Protein backbone atom coordinates (compact mmCIF):
# COMPACT_ATOMS: atom_id res chain seq x y z
CA MET A 1 -98.90 -15.68 -93.89
CA PRO A 2 -97.43 -14.15 -96.84
CA GLY A 3 -94.11 -12.03 -96.27
CA LYS A 4 -93.38 -8.53 -97.81
CA TRP A 5 -92.86 -7.75 -101.61
CA GLU A 6 -88.93 -8.12 -102.15
CA VAL A 7 -86.07 -8.27 -105.14
CA PHE A 8 -84.61 -12.34 -105.54
CA SER A 9 -81.95 -12.18 -107.96
CA ARG A 10 -80.60 -15.46 -109.76
CA MET A 11 -77.78 -16.04 -112.50
CA LEU A 12 -79.17 -16.98 -115.68
CA GLY A 13 -76.67 -17.31 -119.03
CA GLY A 14 -74.01 -15.47 -116.65
CA MET A 15 -76.28 -12.32 -115.91
CA LYS A 16 -77.34 -11.37 -113.08
CA MET A 17 -81.84 -11.25 -113.28
CA TYR A 18 -83.87 -9.88 -110.83
CA ILE A 19 -87.94 -10.64 -110.12
CA VAL A 20 -90.23 -9.41 -107.80
CA GLY A 21 -91.90 -11.88 -105.35
CA ARG A 22 -92.28 -12.85 -101.56
CA ILE A 23 -92.35 -15.47 -99.30
CA ARG A 24 -95.48 -17.29 -99.89
CA ASP A 25 -95.51 -18.83 -95.76
CA VAL A 26 -92.86 -16.86 -93.75
CA SER A 27 -93.12 -19.98 -90.83
CA GLU A 28 -91.42 -22.10 -93.93
CA PRO A 29 -88.40 -22.08 -95.23
CA LEU A 30 -87.17 -20.45 -98.25
CA HIS A 31 -87.15 -22.65 -101.64
CA ALA A 32 -88.76 -22.37 -104.96
CA GLY A 33 -92.07 -23.68 -104.26
CA ASN A 34 -92.20 -20.80 -101.28
CA ILE A 35 -92.01 -18.23 -103.32
CA GLU A 36 -95.11 -16.00 -105.07
CA TYR A 37 -93.86 -13.85 -107.97
CA ALA A 38 -95.90 -10.53 -108.22
CA PRO A 39 -98.83 -10.76 -111.06
CA ASP A 40 -96.79 -8.67 -113.59
CA ALA A 41 -93.43 -10.34 -112.81
CA HIS A 42 -90.56 -10.72 -114.92
CA PHE A 43 -86.95 -10.87 -115.00
CA THR A 44 -84.97 -7.59 -115.38
CA THR A 45 -81.33 -6.72 -115.32
CA ASP A 46 -82.39 -2.91 -113.61
CA GLU A 47 -82.23 -4.04 -109.51
CA GLU A 48 -83.45 -0.49 -109.15
CA ARG A 49 -86.62 -1.07 -111.51
CA ALA A 50 -87.51 -4.14 -109.83
CA GLU A 51 -86.80 -2.62 -106.18
CA LYS A 52 -88.96 0.63 -106.93
CA HIS A 53 -91.85 -1.99 -107.98
CA ALA A 54 -91.46 -3.79 -105.08
CA ALA A 55 -91.82 -0.69 -102.57
CA LYS A 56 -94.80 0.33 -104.74
CA LEU A 57 -96.56 -3.36 -104.43
CA ASN A 58 -95.62 -2.90 -100.59
CA GLN A 59 -97.78 0.25 -100.24
CA LYS A 60 -100.94 -1.20 -101.17
């Protein structure tokens, strides 16, 4: 069962970047193969925008 949509962060090129995703199977540990990214996901430096996007996806 997938988890809720949330914002993941990563340092890329010395900049903190954000992307919306969710854990594919909450009974498994968090690792790269257990993350599903939002269909229209892309890395951004705007954390607030990413948080709003995750909240919108969770309303569906």
